[in-house]
Amino acid sequence: MREVWVRVIPFRKELVTTALEAGAHGIWVEGDAVSKVRELGRIKVLGEEGDLQPGKDFFHVSIHSGEDQEKALELCGKGPVVVEAVDWKVIPLENLVAASDAIFAVVRSEDEMRLALGVLEKGVSGVVVDVDDPSLLRRLVLMVQDEVEKVDLVEGTIRDVKPLWMGHRVCVDTCTLMGEGEGMLVGNSSSFLFLIHAESIENPYVAPRPFRVNAGAVHSYTMVPGGKTRYLSELQSGDEVLLVDHQGNAKGAIVGRSKVEKRPLLMVKAQVGDVPGTCILQNAETIRLVSPSGDALSVVSLREGDRVMVYLEEGGRHFGIKVEESIQEK
């Protein structure tokens, strides 16, 4: 998730508490205000005696000229660089974002926040909110919290559903409630992931658990924020996963609990064009894939020719990071 810091200079308790309640990742203060922030909540504090110290762990550059822009880019190799300008039309923010992934932009309005989040279609790495109005501060922080990623999903065609023997599968309980058509991307290959529906559907067997995705076998990949993947077996409380709906709208969610249990399994095979993919899931009526219209399709009633939403990518993965090389997974 994109970092959100709030600069509170001079110190105002009301602004700090608003930032804490809105979900900011860090508070930037001066002098003895570091200890005052720590009395109000557990959060990363930026300051001379803080967790991140200016001039050492991060840098601040006011942009007035091309020379300032070059100075900011030189510092990017040492850590995050907070940049601010009176008018980004003079020194386009695009120039900095195109050259570095360590740029944090100071924002003071909703228009500036939209610019920072959308520049070059990827946005800055972080934002520093600097306003005096608590209500505006809250809105700006929540604009980042509510930011939606986009994942390019395609339609896959079911080719086979095959019962298997027993194995260990992972239930991922998140700290977020999911709705219809929403779940997690999971698969045997990191380049072919199936959208597995959350347990948010009413059924006669168990009560809905809209915070849960019965995600698949322990060896499976799942997509997490930042375009990376993790093994399901690695997930634990406090980790972050990516929740995706049938239209490809995605957002991060915190793992509250990961449950590994031995259950009967089945393998789902699908295909997109000439590209095949598989996923091993629990053999139970409550495990569902997602149709192009967002409907939940139980794995026990899947038939050859059914259409489901999947994610495809070219290349491979090395420690969960996408790499441009030829990797075959069968």
Protein backbone atom coordinates (compact mmCIF):
# COMPACT_ATOMS: atom_id res chain seq x y z
CA MET A 1 0.00 0.00 0.00
CA ARG A 2 1.15 3.52 -0.76
CA GLU A 3 2.65 5.26 2.30
CA VAL A 4 0.79 8.21 3.84
CA TRP A 5 2.65 10.53 6.20
CA VAL A 6 1.09 13.56 7.91
CA ARG A 7 3.24 16.60 8.71
CA VAL A 8 2.14 18.31 11.93
CA ILE A 9 4.52 21.25 12.32
CA PRO A 10 3.84 22.96 14.68
CA PHE A 11 2.42 20.16 16.83
CA ARG A 12 -1.36 20.01 17.21
CA LYS A 13 -2.86 17.11 19.16
CA GLU A 14 -6.12 17.27 17.20
CA LEU A 15 -4.34 16.77 13.88
CA VAL A 16 -2.28 13.87 15.23
CA THR A 17 -5.32 12.04 16.59
CA THR A 18 -7.18 12.61 13.31
CA ALA A 19 -4.22 11.17 11.39
CA LEU A 20 -4.11 8.13 13.69
CA GLU A 21 -7.85 7.49 13.35
CA ALA A 22 -7.76 7.87 9.54
CA GLY A 23 -4.99 5.27 9.21
CA ALA A 24 -1.89 7.31 8.37
CA HIS A 25 1.38 5.38 8.33
CA GLY A 26 3.58 8.08 9.86
CA ILE A 27 3.53 11.45 11.67
CA TRP A 28 6.20 14.08 10.96
CA VAL A 29 6.90 16.47 13.85
CA GLU A 30 9.72 18.56 15.31
CA GLY A 31 11.55 18.66 18.65
CA ASP A 32 9.94 17.19 21.76
CA ALA A 33 6.71 16.55 19.82
CA VAL A 34 8.08 13.09 18.99
CA SER A 35 7.33 11.91 22.53
CA LYS A 36 3.89 13.58 22.43
CA VAL A 37 2.95 11.58 19.33
CA ARG A 38 4.07 8.34 20.96
CA GLU A 39 1.80 9.07 23.92
CA LEU A 40 -1.19 9.21 21.59
CA GLY A 41 -0.69 5.99 19.61
CA ARG A 42 1.71 3.43 18.20
CA ILE A 43 2.78 4.79 14.82
CA LYS A 44 5.95 5.56 12.91
CA VAL A 45 7.23 8.98 13.98
CA LEU A 46 9.39 11.17 11.75
CA GLY A 47 11.62 13.74 13.46
CA GLU A 48 15.06 14.41 14.95
CA GLU A 49 14.50 11.79 17.68
CA GLY A 50 11.98 9.74 15.72
CA ASP A 51 11.95 6.38 13.99
CA LEU A 52 12.91 8.09 10.72
CA GLN A 53 15.22 11.10 10.98
CA PRO A 54 15.28 13.88 8.36
CA GLY A 55 18.57 14.11 6.48
CA LYS A 56 19.44 10.54 7.43
CA ASP A 57 16.50 8.19 6.76
CA PHE A 58 14.55 10.50 4.44
CA PHE A 59 15.15 13.81 2.70
CA HIS A 60 13.15 16.96 1.99
CA VAL A 61 13.60 19.14 -1.10
CA SER A 62 11.60 22.23 -2.08
CA ILE A 63 11.39 22.37 -5.86
CA HIS A 64 11.89 25.83 -7.38
CA SER A 65 14.14 25.04 -10.35
CA GLY A 66 15.69 22.34 -12.48
CA GLU A 67 18.65 22.30 -10.11
CA ASP A 68 16.36 21.41 -7.21
CA GLN A 69 14.89 18.61 -9.30
CA GLU A 70 18.37 17.19 -9.94
CA LYS A 71 19.19 17.45 -6.23
CA ALA A 72 16.06 15.47 -5.37
CA LEU A 73 16.92 12.74 -7.84
CA GLU A 74 20.48 12.47 -6.51
CA LEU A 75 19.12 11.92 -2.98
CA CYS A 76 16.72 9.18 -4.12
CA GLY A 77 19.54 6.65 -3.93
CA LYS A 78 19.78 7.24 -0.18
CA GLY A 79 16.13 6.98 0.81
CA PRO A 80 12.66 8.47 0.34
CA VAL A 81 12.68 12.06 -0.88
CA VAL A 82 9.81 14.38 0.08
CA VAL A 83 9.32 16.99 -2.63
CA GLU A 84 7.06 20.02 -2.66
CA ALA A 85 6.53 22.85 -5.10
CA VAL A 86 4.38 25.95 -5.24
CA ASP A 87 3.18 24.96 -8.71
CA TRP A 88 3.72 21.51 -10.24
CA LYS A 89 3.00 23.01 -13.66
CA VAL A 90 6.43 24.67 -13.54
CA ILE A 91 8.41 21.52 -12.67
CA PRO A 92 6.15 18.61 -13.67
CA LEU A 93 5.85 15.89 -11.04
CA GLU A 94 6.01 13.43 -13.93
CA ASN A 95 9.73 14.19 -14.35
CA LEU A 96 10.50 13.00 -10.81
CA VAL A 97 8.19 9.98 -10.79
CA ALA A 98 9.51 8.81 -14.16
CA ALA A 99 13.07 8.84 -12.82
CA SER A 100 12.59 7.35 -9.33
CA ASP A 101 10.38 5.13 -7.18
CA ALA A 102 11.41 6.98 -4.00
CA ILE A 103 9.40 10.17 -4.47
CA PHE A 104 6.97 11.37 -1.77
CA ALA A 105 4.88 14.42 -2.66
CA VAL A 106 3.53 17.02 -0.24
CA VAL A 107 -0.22 17.53 -0.83
CA ARG A 108 -2.51 20.23 0.55
CA SER A 109 -5.73 19.70 -1.41
CA GLU A 110 -7.85 17.02 -3.02
CA ASP A 111 -6.71 18.14 -6.48
CA GLU A 112 -3.06 17.80 -5.46
CA MET A 113 -3.79 14.35 -4.01
CA ARG A 114 -5.42 13.21 -7.26
CA LEU A 115 -2.38 14.47 -9.18
CA ALA A 116 0.05 12.66 -6.86
CA LEU A 117 -1.87 9.38 -6.99
CA GLY A 118 -2.41 9.40 -10.74
CA VAL A 119 0.81 10.79 -12.17
CA LEU A 120 2.09 8.56 -15.00
CA GLU A 121 -0.72 6.11 -14.13
CA LYS A 122 1.31 4.76 -11.21
CA GLY A 123 1.56 7.68 -8.83
CA VAL A 124 4.19 8.66 -6.30
CA SER A 125 5.52 6.14 -3.80
CA GLY A 126 4.06 8.11 -0.92
CA VAL A 127 2.32 11.32 0.06
CA VAL A 128 2.85 13.80 2.88
CA VAL A 129 -0.38 15.49 3.92
CA ASP A 130 0.19 19.03 5.25
CA VAL A 131 -3.06 20.80 6.17
CA ASP A 132 -4.51 22.61 9.21
CA ASP A 133 -8.11 21.42 8.83
CA PRO A 134 -8.78 18.05 10.56
CA SER A 135 -11.73 17.24 8.26
CA LEU A 136 -9.64 17.88 5.14
CA LEU A 137 -6.78 15.87 6.64
CA ARG A 138 -9.11 12.92 7.15
CA ARG A 139 -10.46 13.14 3.59
CA LEU A 140 -6.97 13.25 2.09
CA VAL A 141 -5.71 10.26 4.07
CA LEU A 142 -8.83 8.27 3.21
CA MET A 143 -8.35 9.05 -0.50
CA VAL A 144 -5.22 6.93 -0.31
CA GLN A 145 -6.82 4.27 1.90
CA ASP A 146 -9.72 3.96 -0.56
CA GLU A 147 -7.48 3.90 -3.62
CA VAL A 148 -8.33 0.99 -5.92
CA GLU A 149 -5.73 -0.91 -7.92
CA LYS A 150 -6.66 -2.43 -11.24
CA VAL A 151 -5.91 -6.04 -12.18
CA ASP A 152 -6.47 -7.14 -15.77
CA LEU A 153 -8.70 -10.22 -15.54
CA VAL A 154 -9.73 -12.34 -18.52
CA GLU A 155 -12.26 -15.11 -19.07
CA GLY A 156 -11.04 -18.67 -18.80
CA THR A 157 -12.87 -21.81 -19.92
CA ILE A 158 -13.17 -24.79 -17.57
CA ARG A 159 -11.67 -27.93 -19.15
CA ASP A 160 -11.81 -30.43 -16.29
CA VAL A 161 -12.55 -30.83 -12.57
CA LYS A 162 -10.80 -33.81 -11.01
CA PRO A 163 -11.22 -35.10 -7.42
CA LEU A 164 -7.92 -35.71 -5.60
CA TRP A 165 -6.93 -37.29 -2.29
CA MET A 166 -6.40 -35.50 1.04
CA GLY A 167 -4.08 -32.55 1.46
CA HIS A 168 -3.54 -29.35 3.42
CA ARG A 169 -5.46 -26.26 2.38
CA VAL A 170 -5.40 -22.68 3.66
CA CYS A 171 -8.32 -20.55 4.82
CA VAL A 172 -7.39 -16.87 4.84
CA ASP A 173 -9.45 -14.80 7.30
CA THR A 174 -8.99 -11.11 6.56
CA CYS A 175 -9.83 -7.96 8.52
CA THR A 176 -12.08 -6.84 5.64
CA LEU A 177 -15.60 -7.83 4.67
CA MET A 178 -16.03 -8.92 1.04
CA GLY A 179 -19.12 -8.83 -1.13
CA GLU A 180 -20.47 -10.77 -4.10
CA GLY A 181 -17.99 -11.31 -6.92
CA GLU A 182 -14.99 -10.59 -4.68
CA GLY A 183 -12.18 -12.80 -3.43
CA MET A 184 -8.48 -13.61 -3.94
CA LEU A 185 -6.37 -14.67 -6.92
CA VAL A 186 -4.92 -18.15 -6.40
CA GLY A 187 -3.28 -20.77 -8.62
CA ASN A 188 -0.71 -23.52 -9.06
CA SER A 189 1.25 -21.19 -11.35
CA SER A 190 2.02 -17.56 -10.63
CA SER A 191 1.25 -16.79 -14.27
CA PHE A 192 -2.28 -18.25 -14.19
CA LEU A 193 -4.37 -17.34 -11.14
CA PHE A 194 -8.06 -18.10 -10.54
CA LEU A 195 -10.39 -15.67 -8.76
CA ILE A 196 -11.58 -17.62 -5.68
CA HIS A 197 -14.79 -16.24 -4.19
CA ALA A 198 -15.07 -15.21 -0.55
CA GLU A 199 -17.40 -17.19 1.72
CA SER A 200 -19.96 -14.37 1.57
CA ILE A 201 -22.76 -16.41 -0.04
CA GLU A 202 -25.77 -17.68 1.90
CA ASN A 203 -25.96 -21.48 1.88
CA PRO A 204 -27.70 -24.24 3.87
CA TYR A 205 -24.46 -25.73 5.22
CA VAL A 206 -22.60 -22.99 7.12
CA ALA A 207 -23.18 -19.35 8.00
CA PRO A 208 -21.59 -16.82 5.62
CA ARG A 209 -18.13 -15.62 6.61
CA PRO A 210 -17.57 -12.63 4.30
CA PHE A 211 -14.13 -12.02 5.77
CA ARG A 212 -12.87 -15.45 4.62
CA VAL A 213 -11.47 -16.96 1.44
CA ASN A 214 -10.99 -20.73 1.48
CA ALA A 215 -8.11 -20.14 -0.84
CA GLY A 216 -6.52 -23.44 -1.81
CA ALA A 217 -3.70 -25.89 -1.21
CA VAL A 218 -0.68 -24.80 0.82
CA HIS A 219 1.69 -24.70 -2.18
CA SER A 220 -0.51 -22.29 -4.17
CA TYR A 221 0.44 -18.77 -5.15
CA THR A 222 -1.70 -15.78 -4.30
CA MET A 223 -1.31 -12.19 -5.47
CA VAL A 224 -0.51 -9.52 -2.87
CA PRO A 225 -0.31 -5.72 -3.23
CA GLY A 226 2.49 -4.33 -5.35
CA GLY A 227 2.09 -6.91 -8.11
CA LYS A 228 3.91 -9.60 -6.09
CA THR A 229 2.91 -13.14 -5.13
CA ARG A 230 3.21 -15.19 -1.95
CA TYR A 231 2.71 -18.86 -1.14
CA LEU A 232 -0.51 -19.42 0.79
CA SER A 233 1.46 -21.40 3.36
CA GLU A 234 3.54 -18.28 4.16
CA LEU A 235 0.61 -16.05 5.12
CA GLN A 236 0.17 -15.17 8.77
CA SER A 237 -1.59 -12.62 10.94
CA GLY A 238 -0.59 -9.07 10.03
CA ASP A 239 0.41 -9.84 6.44
CA GLU A 240 -1.32 -8.11 3.54
CA VAL A 241 -3.18 -9.80 0.69
CA LEU A 242 -4.93 -8.48 -2.40
CA LEU A 243 -8.72 -8.65 -2.68
CA VAL A 244 -10.09 -8.53 -6.24
CA ASP A 245 -13.60 -8.36 -7.70
CA HIS A 246 -14.80 -9.75 -11.03
CA GLN A 247 -14.14 -6.40 -12.76
CA GLY A 248 -10.51 -6.36 -11.65
CA ASN A 249 -10.90 -3.72 -8.94
CA ALA A 250 -8.39 -4.57 -6.24
CA LYS A 251 -7.47 -3.41 -2.74
CA GLY A 252 -5.20 -4.55 0.03
CA ALA A 253 -6.46 -6.29 3.17
CA ILE A 254 -4.79 -7.39 6.39
CA VAL A 255 -4.69 -11.08 7.28
CA GLY A 256 -6.30 -11.64 10.66
CA ARG A 257 -5.72 -15.39 10.75
CA SER A 258 -4.52 -18.16 8.45
CA LYS A 259 -5.87 -21.66 9.04
CA VAL A 260 -4.20 -24.75 7.59
CA GLU A 261 -6.25 -27.95 7.79
CA LYS A 262 -6.26 -31.33 6.08
CA ARG A 263 -9.21 -31.66 3.72
CA PRO A 264 -10.25 -33.56 0.54
CA LEU A 265 -9.04 -31.70 -2.53
CA LEU A 266 -9.86 -31.36 -6.22
CA MET A 267 -8.07 -29.87 -9.19
CA VAL A 268 -9.67 -27.37 -11.53
CA LYS A 269 -8.25 -27.05 -15.04
CA ALA A 270 -9.02 -24.06 -17.26
CA GLN A 271 -7.70 -22.54 -20.46
CA VAL A 272 -7.38 -19.09 -22.04
CA GLY A 273 -6.72 -19.48 -25.74
CA ASP A 274 -3.83 -21.95 -25.91
CA VAL A 275 -2.70 -21.26 -22.34
CA PRO A 276 -3.71 -23.84 -19.69
CA GLY A 277 -3.83 -23.33 -15.93
CA THR A 278 -4.73 -25.30 -12.82
CA CYS A 279 -5.70 -24.71 -9.22
CA ILE A 280 -6.08 -27.18 -6.33
CA LEU A 281 -8.94 -26.34 -3.97
CA GLN A 282 -10.90 -27.98 -1.18
CA ASN A 283 -13.58 -30.34 -2.47
CA ALA A 284 -16.61 -28.68 -0.89
CA GLU A 285 -19.79 -26.94 -2.05
CA THR A 286 -18.82 -23.70 -0.31
CA ILE A 287 -15.68 -23.26 -2.45
CA ARG A 288 -16.50 -21.11 -5.45
CA LEU A 289 -14.95 -19.50 -8.49
CA VAL A 290 -16.28 -16.30 -10.08
CA SER A 291 -18.13 -15.98 -13.40
CA PRO A 292 -17.66 -13.01 -15.79
CA SER A 293 -20.88 -11.52 -14.40
CA GLY A 294 -19.67 -11.81 -10.81
CA ASP A 295 -21.74 -14.86 -9.87
CA ALA A 296 -20.25 -17.45 -7.52
CA LEU A 297 -19.81 -20.90 -9.10
CA SER A 298 -19.39 -23.82 -6.70
CA VAL A 299 -16.55 -26.17 -7.59
CA VAL A 300 -18.80 -29.20 -7.09
CA SER A 301 -21.12 -28.06 -9.89
CA LEU A 302 -18.50 -26.78 -12.35
CA ARG A 303 -18.80 -28.23 -15.85
CA GLU A 304 -16.56 -28.23 -18.90
CA GLY A 305 -17.18 -25.06 -20.86
CA ASP A 306 -18.08 -22.90 -17.85
CA ARG A 307 -16.46 -19.46 -17.93
CA VAL A 308 -14.55 -18.10 -14.93
CA MET A 309 -12.39 -15.06 -14.25
CA VAL A 310 -8.63 -15.57 -14.18
CA TYR A 311 -5.43 -13.54 -14.27
CA LEU A 312 -2.71 -14.21 -16.82
CA GLU A 313 0.78 -12.79 -17.04
CA GLU A 314 3.83 -13.37 -19.19
CA GLY A 315 7.27 -14.09 -17.76
CA GLY A 316 7.91 -15.73 -14.40
CA ARG A 317 8.50 -14.99 -10.75
CA HIS A 318 11.62 -14.99 -8.59
CA PHE A 319 10.85 -14.81 -4.85
CA GLY A 320 7.42 -13.47 -5.73
CA ILE A 321 8.69 -10.68 -7.98
CA LYS A 322 7.88 -10.67 -11.69
CA VAL A 323 10.87 -11.32 -13.95
CA GLU A 324 11.16 -11.43 -17.71
CA GLU A 325 12.33 -14.99 -18.28
CA SER A 326 10.88 -18.23 -19.52
CA ILE A 327 9.59 -20.41 -16.68
CA GLN A 328 7.38 -23.47 -17.11
CA GLU A 329 5.21 -24.69 -14.25
CA LYS A 330 3.18 -27.89 -14.67
